[in-house]
Protein backbone atom coordinates (compact mmCIF):
# COMPACT_ATOMS: atom_id res chain seq x y z
CA PRO A 1 2.81 5.62 9.26
CA GLU A 2 0.59 8.39 8.56
CA ALA A 3 2.66 9.57 5.46
CA GLU A 4 1.60 10.90 2.11
CA THR A 5 4.94 9.87 0.40
CA PHE A 6 7.98 7.85 0.89
CA ARG A 7 9.82 10.80 1.39
CA ASP A 8 7.54 12.16 4.37
CA GLU A 9 8.06 8.60 5.95
CA LEU A 10 11.82 8.93 6.60
CA PRO A 11 11.70 11.32 9.47
CA MET A 12 8.81 9.51 11.16
CA VAL A 13 11.21 6.29 10.92
CA LEU A 14 14.12 8.36 12.48
CA GLU A 15 11.89 9.61 15.42
CA LYS A 16 10.57 6.12 15.95
CA LEU A 17 14.29 4.68 16.13
CA LYS A 18 15.55 7.48 18.24
CA GLY A 19 18.10 6.42 20.55
CA GLN A 20 18.58 2.99 18.96
CA GLU A 21 21.33 4.17 16.51
CA SER A 22 23.56 1.39 17.78
CA ARG A 23 21.10 -1.67 17.19
CA LYS A 24 21.39 -3.48 14.05
CA VAL A 25 18.81 -2.65 11.51
CA LEU A 26 17.46 -4.78 8.67
CA LEU A 27 15.43 -3.20 5.82
CA TYR A 28 13.45 -5.15 3.28
CA CYS A 29 11.54 -3.65 0.29
CA THR A 30 9.63 -4.92 -2.96
CA GLY A 31 12.75 -4.42 -5.19
CA GLY A 32 15.48 -3.12 -2.97
CA ILE A 33 15.55 0.42 -4.28
CA ARG A 34 13.85 2.20 -1.27
CA CYS A 35 15.88 0.34 0.92
CA GLU A 36 18.86 1.59 -0.61
CA LYS A 37 17.88 5.13 -0.12
CA THR A 38 16.58 4.34 3.38
CA SER A 39 19.96 2.87 4.13
CA ALA A 40 21.93 5.79 3.11
CA TYR A 41 19.39 8.05 4.88
CA LEU A 42 19.79 6.05 8.21
CA LYS A 43 23.68 6.04 8.05
CA HIS A 44 23.74 9.66 7.50
CA HIS A 45 22.12 10.02 10.51
CA GLY A 46 24.01 8.02 12.74
CA PHE A 47 22.73 4.38 12.54
CA GLU A 48 25.78 2.21 12.52
CA ASP A 49 24.83 -1.26 11.38
CA VAL A 50 22.26 -0.98 8.46
CA ASN A 51 21.63 -4.13 6.36
CA GLN A 52 19.26 -4.91 3.59
CA LEU A 53 17.87 -7.90 1.77
CA HIS A 54 19.75 -7.39 -1.52
CA GLY A 55 17.25 -7.46 -4.32
CA GLY A 56 14.10 -6.85 -2.19
CA ILE A 57 11.50 -9.54 -1.51
CA ILE A 58 11.28 -9.99 -5.26
CA ASP A 59 14.72 -11.56 -5.66
CA TYR A 60 14.16 -13.59 -2.26
CA ALA A 61 10.97 -15.11 -3.97
CA ARG A 62 12.91 -16.21 -6.97
CA GLN A 63 15.93 -17.62 -4.82
CA ILE A 64 13.49 -19.62 -2.60
CA ASP A 65 11.81 -21.17 -5.59
CA GLN A 66 14.90 -21.47 -7.54
CA GLU A 67 16.92 -23.25 -4.77
CA ASN A 68 13.84 -24.85 -3.10
CA LEU A 69 14.69 -23.00 0.23
CA PRO A 70 11.95 -22.70 3.09
CA ASN A 71 9.80 -19.73 2.76
CA LYS A 72 9.82 -17.13 5.50
CA PHE A 73 7.69 -14.33 3.69
CA HIS A 74 3.98 -14.61 4.84
CA GLY A 75 1.36 -13.28 2.34
CA VAL A 76 1.54 -11.28 -0.94
CA ASN A 77 4.29 -8.69 -1.71
CA PHE A 78 2.81 -5.17 -2.88
CA VAL A 79 4.23 -4.21 -6.31
CA PHE A 80 4.44 -0.93 -7.86
CA ASP A 81 2.74 -2.18 -11.41
CA GLU A 82 -0.61 -3.21 -12.60
CA ARG A 83 -0.57 -6.44 -10.72
CA LEU A 84 -0.44 -4.68 -7.51
CA GLY A 85 0.54 -7.84 -5.67
CA GLU A 86 2.82 -10.70 -6.13
CA GLU A 87 2.00 -14.06 -4.24
CA ILE A 88 4.95 -15.22 -2.12
CA SER A 89 3.03 -17.81 0.18
CA GLN A 90 -0.60 -18.53 -0.12
CA GLU A 91 -1.07 -17.24 3.58
CA VAL A 92 -3.33 -14.23 3.61
CA ILE A 93 -2.42 -11.73 6.24
CA SER A 94 -4.60 -8.69 5.50
CA GLU A 95 -8.52 -8.07 5.43
CA CYS A 96 -10.78 -6.34 3.16
CA HIS A 97 -10.82 -2.60 4.15
CA GLN A 98 -14.72 -2.67 3.37
CA CYS A 99 -15.91 -5.76 5.31
CA GLY A 100 -12.86 -7.15 7.35
CA GLN A 101 -12.82 -10.63 5.73
CA PRO A 102 -9.29 -11.98 4.77
CA SER A 103 -8.26 -10.83 1.56
CA ALA A 104 -4.93 -10.15 -0.28
CA ARG A 105 -6.21 -8.02 -2.89
CA HIS A 106 -5.08 -4.55 -3.65
CA ALA A 107 -7.26 -2.49 -5.67
CA ASN A 108 -7.45 1.34 -6.86
CA CYS A 109 -10.85 2.86 -6.43
CA LEU A 110 -12.76 2.98 -9.93
CA ASN A 111 -13.38 6.83 -9.32
CA LYS A 112 -10.54 8.22 -11.28
CA ALA A 113 -10.63 11.32 -9.06
CA CYS A 114 -10.02 9.40 -5.89
CA ASN A 115 -7.88 6.37 -7.03
CA LEU A 116 -7.55 5.37 -3.58
CA LEU A 117 -5.21 2.32 -2.97
CA PHE A 118 -6.98 -0.28 -0.68
CA ILE A 119 -7.66 -4.14 -0.03
CA GLN A 120 -10.91 -5.15 -1.48
CA CYS A 121 -12.36 -8.73 -1.59
CA GLU A 122 -14.14 -10.01 -4.73
CA GLU A 123 -17.43 -9.79 -2.88
CA CYS A 124 -16.87 -5.96 -2.11
CA GLU A 125 -15.46 -5.44 -5.36
CA ALA A 126 -18.84 -6.64 -6.84
CA LYS A 127 -21.04 -4.81 -4.15
CA HIS A 128 -19.31 -1.49 -4.17
CA GLU A 129 -18.58 -1.72 -7.91
CA GLY A 130 -14.99 -1.22 -7.40
CA CYS A 131 -15.16 1.76 -5.39
CA CYS A 132 -14.18 2.70 -1.79
CA THR A 133 -17.18 4.93 -0.66
CA PRO A 134 -20.75 5.41 -1.56
CA GLN A 135 -19.42 8.95 -2.83
CA CYS A 136 -16.91 7.44 -5.29
CA ILE A 137 -19.74 5.14 -6.76
CA ASP A 138 -21.99 8.19 -7.32
CA VAL A 139 -19.27 9.75 -9.32
CA THR A 140 -18.49 6.97 -11.31
CA GLN A 141 -22.32 6.75 -12.20
CA ALA A 142 -22.37 10.32 -13.13
CA PRO A 143 -22.17 11.50 -16.73
CA GLU A 144 -18.70 11.42 -18.32
CA GLU A 145 -18.52 15.22 -18.44
CA GLU A 146 -19.39 15.61 -14.98
CA GLN A 147 -16.45 13.06 -13.91
CA ILE A 148 -13.87 15.10 -16.13
CA GLU A 149 -15.36 18.12 -14.09
CA ILE A 150 -14.67 16.23 -10.89
CA ARG A 151 -11.35 15.31 -11.82
CA ARG A 152 -10.29 18.72 -13.00
CA LYS A 153 -11.27 20.25 -9.67
CA ALA A 154 -9.29 17.59 -7.92
CA LYS A 155 -6.06 18.46 -9.76
CA GLU A 156 -6.58 22.05 -9.15
CA THR A 157 -6.61 21.24 -5.43
CA LYS A 158 -3.16 19.30 -5.98
CA ARG A 159 -4.70 16.37 -4.41
CA TYR A 160 -4.16 13.48 -6.88
CA HIS A 161 -4.08 10.85 -4.36
CA ARG A 162 -5.34 10.41 -0.97
CA HIS A 163 -2.90 8.20 1.09
CA SER A 164 -4.05 9.07 4.52
CA LYS A 165 -5.70 6.21 6.68
CA VAL A 166 -9.57 6.09 6.02
CA ASN A 167 -11.86 3.73 7.69
CA LEU A 168 -13.74 2.47 4.67
CA ARG A 169 -16.25 0.21 6.87
CA ASP A 170 -17.35 3.41 8.17
CA ALA A 171 -18.12 4.76 4.78
CA PHE A 172 -20.69 1.75 4.16
CA SER A 173 -21.94 1.68 7.66
CA LYS A 174 -25.73 2.47 6.84
CA GLU A 175 -25.62 -0.66 5.19
CA VAL A 176 -24.94 -2.94 8.16
CA ASN A 177 -28.20 -4.08 9.93
């Protein structure tokens, strides 16, 4: 969804599920914490049969490994630490936001004033210097004092992160033959 935060997303979920309050709902999250909150929110709004994968995908991966169970999860589980992803299966189900090639590598734009979280393959990371757009490359190549000023201005506008969907392929479209 086009949401800036998890909190902003919850009313969108309600709207999407409107009229389906009697259907069974199964939630799964990284570690289960957001599932707990979402479960309570949905129940508060009249959903009758809300279930969740206890312990989240992280615990699910541990269980399938320990008990040698078949894995039903495809791809990489996003995690909220410096790893950014934990491989649950070797299947790649996502693609680089810049070139479209299969990739499961999450990255934050190296322009600290941007810090956009996106999927970037190794080739695009090298080609675009770890940045999401040509403008961000320009910022990272600017003198440190200028970068600090850019970050200061970004903080003044209270826009620390940009979570809205952005077509990064368009940003580099001039490079395509």
